[in-house]
């Protein structure tokens, strides 16, 4: 019997400040990268989907952004304090 499936991972890339398109407030937004990987016997092998999203910390609205826009946002983001990237884990 072969056991396969998918598992999702979320990585917080940056915290940016701009005006929210939903509530209109200038607020911090988290930029996250969501990756879904194919798993075989519970071992993640390769990514099958990658999405980028921003979430407003004021109203909670979340918007998907294209890869090019996310990379541009990341290039303009200040360097992280301590140099660590926070990783969050969830199952998809």
C-alpha atoms as a PDB file:
ATOM      1  CA  UNK A   1       0.000   0.000   0.000  1.00  0.00           C
ATOM      2  CA  UNK A   2       1.366   3.402  -1.019  1.00  0.00           C
ATOM      3  CA  UNK A   3       0.417   6.374   1.143  1.00  0.00           C
ATOM      4  CA  UNK A   4       0.547   9.769  -0.563  1.00  0.00           C
ATOM      5  CA  UNK A   5      -1.047  13.184  -0.233  1.00  0.00           C
ATOM      6  CA  UNK A   6      -0.232  16.849   0.280  1.00  0.00           C
ATOM      7  CA  UNK A   7       0.889  19.031   3.147  1.00  0.00           C
ATOM      8  CA  UNK A   8       0.805  22.819   3.392  1.00  0.00           C
ATOM      9  CA  UNK A   9       3.445  25.112   4.829  1.00  0.00           C
ATOM     10  CA  UNK A  10       3.250  28.852   5.549  1.00  0.00           C
ATOM     11  CA  UNK A  11       6.285  31.132   5.825  1.00  0.00           C
ATOM     12  CA  UNK A  12       6.072  34.694   7.115  1.00  0.00           C
ATOM     13  CA  UNK A  13       8.384  36.682   4.856  1.00  0.00           C
ATOM     14  CA  UNK A  14       7.966  40.282   6.047  1.00  0.00           C
ATOM     15  CA  UNK A  15       5.798  42.816   7.828  1.00  0.00           C
ATOM     16  CA  UNK A  16       5.065  45.858   5.658  1.00  0.00           C
ATOM     17  CA  UNK A  17       3.132  49.059   6.296  1.00  0.00           C
ATOM     18  CA  UNK A  18       0.756  50.381   3.634  1.00  0.00           C
ATOM     19  CA  UNK A  19      -2.875  51.464   3.213  1.00  0.00           C
ATOM     20  CA  UNK A  20      -5.278  48.516   3.289  1.00  0.00           C
ATOM     21  CA  UNK A  21      -7.467  48.145   0.209  1.00  0.00           C
ATOM     22  CA  UNK A  22     -10.284  46.769   2.365  1.00  0.00           C
ATOM     23  CA  UNK A  23     -10.532  49.080   5.402  1.00  0.00           C
ATOM     24  CA  UNK A  24      -8.544  52.096   4.100  1.00  0.00           C
ATOM     25  CA  UNK A  25      -6.343  52.307   7.195  1.00  0.00           C
ATOM     26  CA  UNK A  26      -2.557  52.623   7.058  1.00  0.00           C
ATOM     27  CA  UNK A  27      -1.626  49.426   8.879  1.00  0.00           C
ATOM     28  CA  UNK A  28       0.984  46.701   9.090  1.00  0.00           C
ATOM     29  CA  UNK A  29       0.473  43.808   6.687  1.00  0.00           C
ATOM     30  CA  UNK A  30       2.114  40.410   6.913  1.00  0.00           C
ATOM     31  CA  UNK A  31       3.478  38.968   3.681  1.00  0.00           C
ATOM     32  CA  UNK A  32       3.288  35.177   3.712  1.00  0.00           C
ATOM     33  CA  UNK A  33       4.296  32.450   1.292  1.00  0.00           C
ATOM     34  CA  UNK A  34       2.094  29.337   1.218  1.00  0.00           C
ATOM     35  CA  UNK A  35       3.620  26.179  -0.262  1.00  0.00           C
ATOM     36  CA  UNK A  36       1.772  22.904  -0.853  1.00  0.00           C
ATOM     37  CA  UNK A  37       4.047  19.877  -1.208  1.00  0.00           C
ATOM     38  CA  UNK A  38       3.365  16.379  -2.493  1.00  0.00           C
ATOM     39  CA  UNK A  39       4.101  13.775   0.189  1.00  0.00           C
ATOM     40  CA  UNK A  40       4.907  10.091  -0.097  1.00  0.00           C
ATOM     41  CA  UNK A  41       4.812   8.055   3.118  1.00  0.00           C
ATOM     42  CA  UNK A  42       4.473  11.397   4.997  1.00  0.00           C
ATOM     43  CA  UNK A  43       7.764  12.714   3.541  1.00  0.00           C
ATOM     44  CA  UNK A  44       7.402  16.024   1.656  1.00  0.00           C
ATOM     45  CA  UNK A  45       9.016  15.571  -1.764  1.00  0.00           C
ATOM     46  CA  UNK A  46       8.387  18.566  -4.049  1.00  0.00           C
ATOM     47  CA  UNK A  47       6.214  21.683  -4.180  1.00  0.00           C
ATOM     48  CA  UNK A  48       3.071  21.523  -6.302  1.00  0.00           C
ATOM     49  CA  UNK A  49       1.730  25.001  -5.519  1.00  0.00           C
ATOM     50  CA  UNK A  50       3.139  28.293  -4.229  1.00  0.00           C
ATOM     51  CA  UNK A  51       0.995  31.337  -3.372  1.00  0.00           C
ATOM     52  CA  UNK A  52       1.739  34.698  -1.798  1.00  0.00           C
ATOM     53  CA  UNK A  53      -0.758  36.577   0.389  1.00  0.00           C
ATOM     54  CA  UNK A  54      -0.848  39.759   2.435  1.00  0.00           C
ATOM     55  CA  UNK A  55      -3.000  40.121   5.551  1.00  0.00           C
ATOM     56  CA  UNK A  56      -3.983  43.410   7.193  1.00  0.00           C
ATOM     57  CA  UNK A  57      -3.319  43.413  10.939  1.00  0.00           C
ATOM     58  CA  UNK A  58      -6.087  45.998  11.460  1.00  0.00           C
ATOM     59  CA  UNK A  59      -9.102  44.355   9.772  1.00  0.00           C
ATOM     60  CA  UNK A  60      -7.752  40.870   8.996  1.00  0.00           C
ATOM     61  CA  UNK A  61      -8.476  41.042   5.256  1.00  0.00           C
ATOM     62  CA  UNK A  62      -6.271  38.754   3.211  1.00  0.00           C
ATOM     63  CA  UNK A  63      -5.360  39.289  -0.456  1.00  0.00           C
ATOM     64  CA  UNK A  64      -3.471  37.041  -2.855  1.00  0.00           C
ATOM     65  CA  UNK A  65      -0.646  38.788  -4.709  1.00  0.00           C
ATOM     66  CA  UNK A  66       1.320  37.644  -7.761  1.00  0.00           C
ATOM     67  CA  UNK A  67       4.862  36.349  -7.254  1.00  0.00           C
ATOM     68  CA  UNK A  68       6.422  39.383  -8.993  1.00  0.00           C
ATOM     69  CA  UNK A  69       4.563  41.819  -6.723  1.00  0.00           C
ATOM     70  CA  UNK A  70       5.508  39.805  -3.605  1.00  0.00           C
ATOM     71  CA  UNK A  71       9.171  39.828  -4.635  1.00  0.00           C
ATOM     72  CA  UNK A  72       8.982  43.607  -5.158  1.00  0.00           C
ATOM     73  CA  UNK A  73       7.424  44.078  -1.712  1.00  0.00           C
ATOM     74  CA  UNK A  74      10.107  41.880  -0.178  1.00  0.00           C
ATOM     75  CA  UNK A  75      12.873  43.899  -1.868  1.00  0.00           C
ATOM     76  CA  UNK A  76      11.499  47.100  -0.294  1.00  0.00           C
ATOM     77  CA  UNK A  77      11.020  45.563   3.163  1.00  0.00           C
ATOM     78  CA  UNK A  78      13.466  46.502   5.915  1.00  0.00           C
ATOM     79  CA  UNK A  79      15.966  43.839   6.953  1.00  0.00           C
ATOM     80  CA  UNK A  80      14.558  41.520   9.635  1.00  0.00           C
ATOM     81  CA  UNK A  81      15.736  42.058  13.214  1.00  0.00           C
ATOM     82  CA  UNK A  82      17.905  39.099  14.224  1.00  0.00           C
ATOM     83  CA  UNK A  83      17.973  37.690  10.691  1.00  0.00           C
ATOM     84  CA  UNK A  84      15.521  34.842  11.313  1.00  0.00           C
ATOM     85  CA  UNK A  85      12.544  34.007   9.126  1.00  0.00           C
ATOM     86  CA  UNK A  86       9.579  32.741  11.122  1.00  0.00           C
ATOM     87  CA  UNK A  87       8.037  29.512   9.919  1.00  0.00           C
ATOM     88  CA  UNK A  88       4.479  28.515  10.595  1.00  0.00           C
ATOM     89  CA  UNK A  89       3.180  25.044   9.898  1.00  0.00           C
ATOM     90  CA  UNK A  90      -0.313  23.960   8.969  1.00  0.00           C
ATOM     91  CA  UNK A  91      -1.799  20.923   7.342  1.00  0.00           C
ATOM     92  CA  UNK A  92      -3.630  21.324   4.062  1.00  0.00           C
END
